[in-house]
Amino acid sequence: MTFGESIVACFSKYAAFNGRAARPEYWWWVLFTALVSAATGVVSETLSALFSLAILLPSLAVGARRLHDTDRSGWFLLLLWLIQEGKEPNRFSDAG
């Protein structure tokens, strides 16, 4: 899937949380949103905020479809891991 095809696919499936999204579709979308966000941020803070709001739903949708492609639930987008209690010690604990 090319860059352009990915963008068209994500906008055509604006709020489609079912189905699957291959890696290229997801990562081209991420690149597109990062580039456009940076460009709109240079032009205007308001424009950047409006763009971010406009792509929120399709970004969540392509993320859910990407998780489906990896055989995971789209609900993992809610970052359920962040509400779990920490585990001590773990591999990221301070050595001291």
PDB file of N, CA and C in Angstrom:
ATOM      1  N   MET A   1       0.854  -1.173   0.000  1.00  0.00           N
ATOM      2  CA  MET A   1       0.000   0.000   0.000  1.00  0.00           C
ATOM      3  C   MET A   1       0.898   1.234   0.000  1.00  0.00           C
ATOM      4  N   THR A   2       0.573   2.174  -0.864  1.00  0.00           N
ATOM      5  CA  THR A   2       1.381   3.393  -0.978  1.00  0.00           C
ATOM      6  C   THR A   2       0.915   4.440   0.028  1.00  0.00           C
ATOM      7  N   PHE A   3       1.695   5.508   0.107  1.00  0.00           N
ATOM      8  CA  PHE A   3       1.355   6.620   0.994  1.00  0.00           C
ATOM      9  C   PHE A   3      -0.043   7.155   0.682  1.00  0.00           C
ATOM     10  N   GLY A   4      -0.294   7.465  -0.575  1.00  0.00           N
ATOM     11  CA  GLY A   4      -1.586   8.026  -0.970  1.00  0.00           C
ATOM     12  C   GLY A   4      -2.744   7.075  -0.742  1.00  0.00           C
ATOM     13  N   GLU A   5      -2.537   5.807  -1.072  1.00  0.00           N
ATOM     14  CA  GLU A   5      -3.587   4.811  -0.857  1.00  0.00           C
ATOM     15  C   GLU A   5      -3.934   4.690   0.623  1.00  0.00           C
ATOM     16  N   SER A   6      -2.931   4.788   1.466  1.00  0.00           N
ATOM     17  CA  SER A   6      -3.154   4.695   2.908  1.00  0.00           C
ATOM     18  C   SER A   6      -3.993   5.858   3.423  1.00  0.00           C
ATOM     19  N   ILE A   7      -3.682   7.046   2.949  1.00  0.00           N
ATOM     20  CA  ILE A   7      -4.425   8.226   3.398  1.00  0.00           C
ATOM     21  C   ILE A   7      -5.871   8.132   2.935  1.00  0.00           C
ATOM     22  N   VAL A   8      -6.065   7.756   1.678  1.00  0.00           N
ATOM     23  CA  VAL A   8      -7.424   7.599   1.146  1.00  0.00           C
ATOM     24  C   VAL A   8      -8.176   6.525   1.927  1.00  0.00           C
ATOM     25  N   ALA A   9      -7.516   5.409   2.222  1.00  0.00           N
ATOM     26  CA  ALA A   9      -8.157   4.322   2.967  1.00  0.00           C
ATOM     27  C   ALA A   9      -8.578   4.781   4.359  1.00  0.00           C
ATOM     28  N   CYS A  10      -7.710   5.509   5.031  1.00  0.00           N
ATOM     29  CA  CYS A  10      -8.029   5.956   6.391  1.00  0.00           C
ATOM     30  C   CYS A  10      -9.171   6.968   6.402  1.00  0.00           C
ATOM     31  N   PHE A  11      -9.182   7.868   5.433  1.00  0.00           N
ATOM     32  CA  PHE A  11     -10.285   8.829   5.384  1.00  0.00           C
ATOM     33  C   PHE A  11     -11.583   8.176   4.903  1.00  0.00           C
ATOM     34  N   SER A  12     -11.485   7.177   4.032  1.00  0.00           N
ATOM     35  CA  SER A  12     -12.703   6.518   3.566  1.00  0.00           C
ATOM     36  C   SER A  12     -13.288   5.612   4.655  1.00  0.00           C
ATOM     37  N   LYS A  13     -12.455   5.182   5.577  1.00  0.00           N
ATOM     38  CA  LYS A  13     -12.920   4.389   6.728  1.00  0.00           C
ATOM     39  C   LYS A  13     -12.857   5.264   7.982  1.00  0.00           C
ATOM     40  N   TYR A  14     -13.351   6.473   7.873  1.00  0.00           N
ATOM     41  CA  TYR A  14     -13.207   7.518   8.888  1.00  0.00           C
ATOM     42  C   TYR A  14     -13.497   7.011  10.302  1.00  0.00           C
ATOM     43  N   ALA A  15     -14.588   6.278  10.459  1.00  0.00           N
ATOM     44  CA  ALA A  15     -14.969   5.797  11.788  1.00  0.00           C
ATOM     45  C   ALA A  15     -15.216   4.292  11.780  1.00  0.00           C
ATOM     46  N   ALA A  16     -14.512   3.571  10.917  1.00  0.00           N
ATOM     47  CA  ALA A  16     -14.673   2.121  10.822  1.00  0.00           C
ATOM     48  C   ALA A  16     -13.700   1.442  11.778  1.00  0.00           C
ATOM     49  N   PHE A  17     -14.245   0.914  12.851  1.00  0.00           N
ATOM     50  CA  PHE A  17     -13.418   0.258  13.851  1.00  0.00           C
ATOM     51  C   PHE A  17     -13.358  -1.252  13.637  1.00  0.00           C
ATOM     52  N   ASN A  18     -14.038  -1.735  12.600  1.00  0.00           N
ATOM     53  CA  ASN A  18     -14.004  -3.169  12.300  1.00  0.00           C
ATOM     54  C   ASN A  18     -13.080  -3.410  11.115  1.00  0.00           C
ATOM     55  N   GLY A  19     -12.627  -4.638  10.988  1.00  0.00           N
ATOM     56  CA  GLY A  19     -11.714  -4.966   9.907  1.00  0.00           C
ATOM     57  C   GLY A  19     -10.269  -4.883  10.360  1.00  0.00           C
ATOM     58  N   ARG A  20      -9.384  -4.837   9.365  1.00  0.00           N
ATOM     59  CA  ARG A  20      -7.958  -4.872   9.650  1.00  0.00           C
ATOM     60  C   ARG A  20      -7.233  -3.785   8.882  1.00  0.00           C
ATOM     61  N   ALA A  21      -6.100  -3.366   9.421  1.00  0.00           N
ATOM     62  CA  ALA A  21      -5.219  -2.416   8.734  1.00  0.00           C
ATOM     63  C   ALA A  21      -3.804  -2.987   8.781  1.00  0.00           C
ATOM     64  N   ALA A  22      -3.215  -3.137   7.619  1.00  0.00           N
ATOM     65  CA  ALA A  22      -1.848  -3.651   7.544  1.00  0.00           C
ATOM     66  C   ALA A  22      -0.864  -2.587   8.044  1.00  0.00           C
ATOM     67  N   ARG A  23       0.351  -3.014   8.308  1.00  0.00           N
ATOM     68  CA  ARG A  23       1.372  -2.083   8.806  1.00  0.00           C
ATOM     69  C   ARG A  23       1.557  -0.860   7.919  1.00  0.00           C
ATOM     70  N   PRO A  24       1.657  -1.028   6.590  1.00  0.00           N
ATOM     71  CA  PRO A  24       1.865   0.178   5.767  1.00  0.00           C
ATOM     72  C   PRO A  24       0.734   1.199   5.906  1.00  0.00           C
ATOM     73  N   GLU A  25      -0.508   0.710   5.947  1.00  0.00           N
ATOM     74  CA  GLU A  25      -1.632   1.642   6.090  1.00  0.00           C
ATOM     75  C   GLU A  25      -1.500   2.441   7.379  1.00  0.00           C
ATOM     76  N   TYR A  26      -1.207   1.754   8.461  1.00  0.00           N
ATOM     77  CA  TYR A  26      -1.094   2.425   9.754  1.00  0.00           C
ATOM     78  C   TYR A  26       0.079   3.411   9.791  1.00  0.00           C
ATOM     79  N   TRP A  27       1.265   2.949   9.386  1.00  0.00           N
ATOM     80  CA  TRP A  27       2.451   3.793   9.522  1.00  0.00           C
ATOM     81  C   TRP A  27       2.479   4.942   8.525  1.00  0.00           C
ATOM     82  N   TRP A  28       1.927   4.746   7.323  1.00  0.00           N
ATOM     83  CA  TRP A  28       1.807   5.881   6.406  1.00  0.00           C
ATOM     84  C   TRP A  28       0.861   6.916   6.987  1.00  0.00           C
ATOM     85  N   TRP A  29      -0.205   6.469   7.642  1.00  0.00           N
ATOM     86  CA  TRP A  29      -1.142   7.391   8.283  1.00  0.00           C
ATOM     87  C   TRP A  29      -0.440   8.176   9.397  1.00  0.00           C
ATOM     88  N   VAL A  30       0.355   7.488  10.189  1.00  0.00           N
ATOM     89  CA  VAL A  30       1.096   8.154  11.269  1.00  0.00           C
ATOM     90  C   VAL A  30       2.031   9.217  10.690  1.00  0.00           C
ATOM     91  N   LEU A  31       2.740   8.863   9.626  1.00  0.00           N
ATOM     92  CA  LEU A  31       3.635   9.829   8.982  1.00  0.00           C
ATOM     93  C   LEU A  31       2.850  11.024   8.444  1.00  0.00           C
ATOM     94  N   PHE A  32       1.745  10.773   7.772  1.00  0.00           N
ATOM     95  CA  PHE A  32       0.898  11.845   7.245  1.00  0.00           C
ATOM     96  C   PHE A  32       0.443  12.790   8.351  1.00  0.00           C
ATOM     97  N   THR A  33      -0.068  12.227   9.436  1.00  0.00           N
ATOM     98  CA  THR A  33      -0.572  13.085  10.514  1.00  0.00           C
ATOM     99  C   THR A  33       0.550  13.883  11.168  1.00  0.00           C
ATOM    100  N   ALA A  34       1.722  13.274  11.301  1.00  0.00           N
ATOM    101  CA  ALA A  34       2.854  13.995  11.896  1.00  0.00           C
ATOM    102  C   ALA A  34       3.294  15.155  11.008  1.00  0.00           C
ATOM    103  N   LEU A  35       3.405  14.890   9.711  1.00  0.00           N
ATOM    104  CA  LEU A  35       3.827  15.952   8.778  1.00  0.00           C
ATOM    105  C   LEU A  35       2.824  17.088   8.702  1.00  0.00           C
ATOM    106  N   VAL A  36       1.555  16.746   8.583  1.00  0.00           N
ATOM    107  CA  VAL A  36       0.531  17.785   8.480  1.00  0.00           C
ATOM    108  C   VAL A  36       0.393  18.535   9.799  1.00  0.00           C
ATOM    109  N   SER A  37       0.511  17.838  10.908  1.00  0.00           N
ATOM    110  CA  SER A  37       0.460  18.512  12.212  1.00  0.00           C
ATOM    111  C   SER A  37       1.597  19.514  12.359  1.00  0.00           C
ATOM    112  N   ALA A  38       2.787  19.112  11.941  1.00  0.00           N
ATOM    113  CA  ALA A  38       3.932  20.024  12.013  1.00  0.00           C
ATOM    114  C   ALA A  38       3.716  21.229  11.102  1.00  0.00           C
ATOM    115  N   ALA A  39       3.234  20.989   9.900  1.00  0.00           N
ATOM    116  CA  ALA A  39       3.018  22.082   8.947  1.00  0.00           C
ATOM    117  C   ALA A  39       1.925  23.034   9.428  1.00  0.00           C
ATOM    118  N   THR A  40       0.829  22.487   9.930  1.00  0.00           N
ATOM    119  CA  THR A  40      -0.249  23.363  10.408  1.00  0.00           C
ATOM    120  C   THR A  40       0.165  24.099  11.677  1.00  0.00           C
ATOM    121  N   GLY A  41       1.021  23.472  12.480  1.00  0.00           N
ATOM    122  CA  GLY A  41       1.523  24.132  13.681  1.00  0.00           C
ATOM    123  C   GLY A  41       2.365  25.345  13.367  1.00  0.00           C
ATOM    124  N   VAL A  42       3.092  25.290  12.263  1.00  0.00           N
ATOM    125  CA  VAL A  42       3.905  26.428  11.830  1.00  0.00           C
ATOM    126  C   VAL A  42       3.006  27.569  11.365  1.00  0.00           C
ATOM    127  N   VAL A  43       1.916  27.200  10.710  1.00  0.00           N
ATOM    128  CA  VAL A  43       0.997  28.215  10.164  1.00  0.00           C
ATOM    129  C   VAL A  43       0.161  28.849  11.264  1.00  0.00           C
ATOM    130  N   SER A  44      -0.473  28.007  12.079  1.00  0.00           N
ATOM    131  CA  SER A  44      -1.388  28.541  13.088  1.00  0.00           C
ATOM    132  C   SER A  44      -1.664  27.484  14.154  1.00  0.00           C
ATOM    133  N   GLU A  45      -1.665  27.909  15.400  1.00  0.00           N
ATOM    134  CA  GLU A  45      -2.001  27.014  16.494  1.00  0.00           C
ATOM    135  C   GLU A  45      -3.443  26.538  16.383  1.00  0.00           C
ATOM    136  N   THR A  46      -4.314  27.443  15.995  1.00  0.00           N
ATOM    137  CA  THR A  46      -5.731  27.099  15.856  1.00  0.00           C
ATOM    138  C   THR A  46      -5.930  26.073  14.745  1.00  0.00           C
ATOM    139  N   LEU A  47      -5.259  26.283  13.623  1.00  0.00           N
ATOM    140  CA  LEU A  47      -5.357  25.345  12.505  1.00  0.00           C
ATOM    141  C   LEU A  47      -4.837  23.969  12.912  1.00  0.00           C
ATOM    142  N   SER A  48      -3.755  23.939  13.653  1.00  0.00           N
ATOM    143  CA  SER A  48      -3.190  22.685  14.130  1.00  0.00           C
ATOM    144  C   SER A  48      -4.167  21.971  15.063  1.00  0.00           C
ATOM    145  N   ALA A  49      -4.799  22.717  15.946  1.00  0.00           N
ATOM    146  CA  ALA A  49      -5.781  22.134  16.863  1.00  0.00           C
ATOM    147  C   ALA A  49      -6.982  21.580  16.100  1.00  0.00           C
ATOM    148  N   LEU A  50      -7.440  22.306  15.088  1.00  0.00           N
ATOM    149  CA  LEU A  50      -8.567  21.838  14.280  1.00  0.00           C
ATOM    150  C   LEU A  50      -8.206  20.576  13.506  1.00  0.00           C
ATOM    151  N   PHE A  51      -6.996  20.531  12.962  1.00  0.00           N
ATOM    152  CA  PHE A  51      -6.547  19.330  12.254  1.00  0.00           C
ATOM    153  C   PHE A  51      -6.482  18.147  13.216  1.00  0.00           C
ATOM    154  N   SER A  52      -5.926  18.372  14.384  1.00  0.00           N
ATOM    155  CA  SER A  52      -5.830  17.294  15.375  1.00  0.00           C
ATOM    156  C   SER A  52      -7.204  16.763  15.755  1.00  0.00           C
ATOM    157  N   LEU A  53      -8.147  17.661  15.902  1.00  0.00           N
ATOM    158  CA  LEU A  53      -9.516  17.256  16.221  1.00  0.00           C
ATOM    159  C   LEU A  53     -10.141  16.484  15.067  1.00  0.00           C
ATOM    160  N   ALA A  54      -9.872  16.921  13.842  1.00  0.00           N
ATOM    161  CA  ALA A  54     -10.445  16.274  12.658  1.00  0.00           C
ATOM    162  C   ALA A  54      -9.912  14.862  12.451  1.00  0.00           C
ATOM    163  N   ILE A  55      -8.667  14.605  12.839  1.00  0.00           N
ATOM    164  CA  ILE A  55      -8.084  13.281  12.602  1.00  0.00           C
ATOM    165  C   ILE A  55      -8.152  12.369  13.825  1.00  0.00           C
ATOM    166  N   LEU A  56      -8.753  12.836  14.905  1.00  0.00           N
ATOM    167  CA  LEU A  56      -8.825  12.016  16.110  1.00  0.00           C
ATOM    168  C   LEU A  56      -9.559  10.697  15.849  1.00  0.00           C
ATOM    169  N   LEU A  57     -10.754  10.774  15.308  1.00  0.00           N
ATOM    170  CA  LEU A  57     -11.550   9.571  15.081  1.00  0.00           C
ATOM    171  C   LEU A  57     -10.911   8.622  14.062  1.00  0.00           C
ATOM    172  N   PRO A  58     -10.453   9.105  12.902  1.00  0.00           N
ATOM    173  CA  PRO A  58      -9.808   8.155  11.986  1.00  0.00           C
ATOM    174  C   PRO A  58      -8.500   7.582  12.540  1.00  0.00           C
ATOM    175  N   SER A  59      -7.810   8.322  13.383  1.00  0.00           N
ATOM    176  CA  SER A  59      -6.586   7.798  13.989  1.00  0.00           C
ATOM    177  C   SER A  59      -6.898   6.671  14.964  1.00  0.00           C
ATOM    178  N   LEU A  60      -7.934   6.853  15.756  1.00  0.00           N
ATOM    179  CA  LEU A  60      -8.359   5.787  16.661  1.00  0.00           C
ATOM    180  C   LEU A  60      -8.843   4.573  15.874  1.00  0.00           C
ATOM    181  N   ALA A  61      -9.574   4.829  14.789  1.00  0.00           N
ATOM    182  CA  ALA A  61     -10.113   3.732  13.975  1.00  0.00           C
ATOM    183  C   ALA A  61      -8.998   2.926  13.320  1.00  0.00           C
ATOM    184  N   VAL A  62      -8.018   3.596  12.705  1.00  0.00           N
ATOM    185  CA  VAL A  62      -6.930   2.844  12.066  1.00  0.00           C
ATOM    186  C   VAL A  62      -6.085   2.141  13.118  1.00  0.00           C
ATOM    187  N   GLY A  63      -5.963   2.719  14.289  1.00  0.00           N
ATOM    188  CA  GLY A  63      -5.247   2.046  15.374  1.00  0.00           C
ATOM    189  C   GLY A  63      -5.954   0.771  15.810  1.00  0.00           C
ATOM    190  N   ALA A  64      -7.264   0.834  15.927  1.00  0.00           N
ATOM    191  CA  ALA A  64      -8.043  -0.359  16.295  1.00  0.00           C
ATOM    192  C   ALA A  64      -7.938  -1.418  15.199  1.00  0.00           C
ATOM    193  N   ARG A  65      -8.027  -0.996  13.943  1.00  0.00           N
ATOM    194  CA  ARG A  65      -7.905  -1.950  12.843  1.00  0.00           C
ATOM    195  C   ARG A  65      -6.507  -2.571  12.803  1.00  0.00           C
ATOM    196  N   ARG A  66      -5.489  -1.783  13.134  1.00  0.00           N
ATOM    197  CA  ARG A  66      -4.120  -2.309  13.174  1.00  0.00           C
ATOM    198  C   ARG A  66      -3.986  -3.361  14.274  1.00  0.00           C
ATOM    199  N   LEU A  67      -4.567  -3.092  15.439  1.00  0.00           N
ATOM    200  CA  LEU A  67      -4.542  -4.072  16.524  1.00  0.00           C
ATOM    201  C   LEU A  67      -5.278  -5.346  16.119  1.00  0.00           C
ATOM    202  N   HIS A  68      -6.383  -5.196  15.396  1.00  0.00           N
ATOM    203  CA  HIS A  68      -7.103  -6.374  14.910  1.00  0.00           C
ATOM    204  C   HIS A  68      -6.207  -7.209  14.007  1.00  0.00           C
ATOM    205  N   ASP A  69      -5.384  -6.557  13.194  1.00  0.00           N
ATOM    206  CA  ASP A  69      -4.494  -7.269  12.291  1.00  0.00           C
ATOM    207  C   ASP A  69      -3.449  -8.075  13.058  1.00  0.00           C
ATOM    208  N   THR A  70      -3.133  -7.643  14.268  1.00  0.00           N
ATOM    209  CA  THR A  70      -2.178  -8.364  15.112  1.00  0.00           C
ATOM    210  C   THR A  70      -2.894  -9.292  16.086  1.00  0.00           C
ATOM    211  N   ASP A  71      -4.187  -9.525  15.828  1.00  0.00           N
ATOM    212  CA  ASP A  71      -5.028 -10.420  16.637  1.00  0.00           C
ATOM    213  C   ASP A  71      -5.204  -9.929  18.076  1.00  0.00           C
ATOM    214  N   ARG A  72      -5.328  -8.620  18.211  1.00  0.00           N
ATOM    215  CA  ARG A  72      -5.599  -8.026  19.517  1.00  0.00           C
ATOM    216  C   ARG A  72      -6.875  -7.216  19.434  1.00  0.00           C
ATOM    217  N   SER A  73      -7.484  -7.008  20.561  1.00  0.00           N
ATOM    218  CA  SER A  73      -8.702  -6.215  20.620  1.00  0.00           C
ATOM    219  C   SER A  73      -8.389  -4.734  20.413  1.00  0.00           C
ATOM    220  N   GLY A  74      -9.278  -4.041  19.736  1.00  0.00           N
ATOM    221  CA  GLY A  74      -9.133  -2.597  19.561  1.00  0.00           C
ATOM    222  C   GLY A  74      -9.233  -1.839  20.871  1.00  0.00           C
ATOM    223  N   TRP A  75      -9.783  -2.482  21.879  1.00  0.00           N
ATOM    224  CA  TRP A  75      -9.902  -1.829  23.187  1.00  0.00           C
ATOM    225  C   TRP A  75      -8.541  -1.539  23.808  1.00  0.00           C
ATOM    226  N   PHE A  76      -7.497  -2.210  23.335  1.00  0.00           N
ATOM    227  CA  PHE A  76      -6.160  -1.929  23.854  1.00  0.00           C
ATOM    228  C   PHE A  76      -5.738  -0.493  23.563  1.00  0.00           C
ATOM    229  N   LEU A  77      -6.428   0.168  22.636  1.00  0.00           N
ATOM    230  CA  LEU A  77      -6.138   1.586  22.377  1.00  0.00           C
ATOM    231  C   LEU A  77      -6.403   2.448  23.598  1.00  0.00           C
ATOM    232  N   LEU A  78      -7.231   1.959  24.476  1.00  0.00           N
ATOM    233  CA  LEU A  78      -7.533   2.714  25.694  1.00  0.00           C
ATOM    234  C   LEU A  78      -6.379   2.645  26.688  1.00  0.00           C
ATOM    235  N   LEU A  79      -5.317   1.979  26.288  1.00  0.00           N
ATOM    236  CA  LEU A  79      -4.094   1.886  27.104  1.00  0.00           C
ATOM    237  C   LEU A  79      -4.382   1.352  28.499  1.00  0.00           C
ATOM    238  N   LEU A  80      -5.039   0.209  28.501  1.00  0.00           N
ATOM    239  CA  LEU A  80      -5.390  -0.411  29.776  1.00  0.00           C
ATOM    240  C   LEU A  80      -4.168  -0.705  30.635  1.00  0.00           C
ATOM    241  N   TRP A  81      -3.017  -0.848  30.001  1.00  0.00           N
ATOM    242  CA  TRP A  81      -1.810  -1.130  30.779  1.00  0.00           C
ATOM    243  C   TRP A  81      -1.449   0.035  31.694  1.00  0.00           C
ATOM    244  N   LEU A  82      -1.853   1.234  31.339  1.00  0.00           N
ATOM    245  CA  LEU A  82      -1.491   2.400  32.148  1.00  0.00           C
ATOM    246  C   LEU A  82      -2.204   2.436  33.491  1.00  0.00           C
ATOM    247  N   ILE A  83      -3.311   1.713  33.625  1.00  0.00           N
ATOM    248  CA  ILE A  83      -4.041   1.745  34.891  1.00  0.00           C
ATOM    249  C   ILE A  83      -3.661   0.594  35.809  1.00  0.00           C
ATOM    250  N   GLN A  84      -2.791  -0.280  35.319  1.00  0.00           N
ATOM    251  CA  GLN A  84      -2.358  -1.398  36.146  1.00  0.00           C
ATOM    252  C   GLN A  84      -1.359  -0.931  37.189  1.00  0.00           C
ATOM    253  N   GLU A  85      -1.379  -1.628  38.318  1.00  0.00           N
ATOM    254  CA  GLU A  85      -0.424  -1.332  39.380  1.00  0.00           C
ATOM    255  C   GLU A  85       0.973  -1.733  38.939  1.00  0.00           C
ATOM    256  N   GLY A  86       1.958  -0.963  39.350  1.00  0.00           N
ATOM    257  CA  GLY A  86       3.335  -1.254  38.990  1.00  0.00           C
ATOM    258  C   GLY A  86       3.852  -2.515  39.650  1.00  0.00           C
ATOM    259  N   LYS A  87       4.869  -3.100  39.049  1.00  0.00           N
ATOM    260  CA  LYS A  87       5.475  -4.319  39.590  1.00  0.00           C
ATOM    261  C   LYS A  87       6.906  -4.010  39.989  1.00  0.00           C
ATOM    262  N   GLU A  88       7.250  -4.357  41.210  1.00  0.00           N
ATOM    263  CA  GLU A  88       8.604  -4.139  41.718  1.00  0.00           C
ATOM    264  C   GLU A  88       9.191  -5.449  42.165  1.00  0.00           C
ATOM    265  N   PRO A  89      10.421  -5.714  41.918  1.00  0.00           N
ATOM    266  CA  PRO A  89      11.279  -5.036  40.950  1.00  0.00           C
ATOM    267  C   PRO A  89      10.910  -5.485  39.539  1.00  0.00           C
ATOM    268  N   ASN A  90      11.353  -4.725  38.594  1.00  0.00           N
ATOM    269  CA  ASN A  90      11.184  -5.107  37.193  1.00  0.00           C
ATOM    270  C   ASN A  90      12.439  -4.723  36.425  1.00  0.00           C
ATOM    271  N   ARG A  91      12.454  -5.051  35.156  1.00  0.00           N
ATOM    272  CA  ARG A  91      13.673  -4.833  34.371  1.00  0.00           C
ATOM    273  C   ARG A  91      14.012  -3.373  34.164  1.00  0.00           C
ATOM    274  N   PHE A  92      13.096  -2.463  34.490  1.00  0.00           N
ATOM    275  CA  PHE A  92      13.350  -1.034  34.310  1.00  0.00           C
ATOM    276  C   PHE A  92      13.636  -0.336  35.639  1.00  0.00           C
ATOM    277  N   SER A  93      13.692  -1.100  36.728  1.00  0.00           N
ATOM    278  CA  SER A  93      13.958  -0.531  38.042  1.00  0.00           C
ATOM    279  C   SER A  93      15.356   0.055  38.094  1.00  0.00           C
ATOM    280  N   ASP A  94      15.525   1.064  38.955  1.00  0.00           N
ATOM    281  CA  ASP A  94      16.855   1.651  39.143  1.00  0.00           C
ATOM    282  C   ASP A  94      17.800   0.616  39.704  1.00  0.00           C
ATOM    283  N   ALA A  95      19.030   0.661  39.241  1.00  0.00           N
ATOM    284  CA  ALA A  95      20.034  -0.315  39.688  1.00  0.00           C
ATOM    285  C   ALA A  95      20.481  -0.054  41.117  1.00  0.00           C
ATOM    286  N   GLY A  96      20.258   1.175  41.595  1.00  0.00           N
ATOM    287  CA  GLY A  96      20.763   1.557  42.909  1.00  0.00           C
ATOM    288  C   GLY A  96      19.851   1.244  43.969  1.00  0.00           C
TER     289      GLY A  96
END
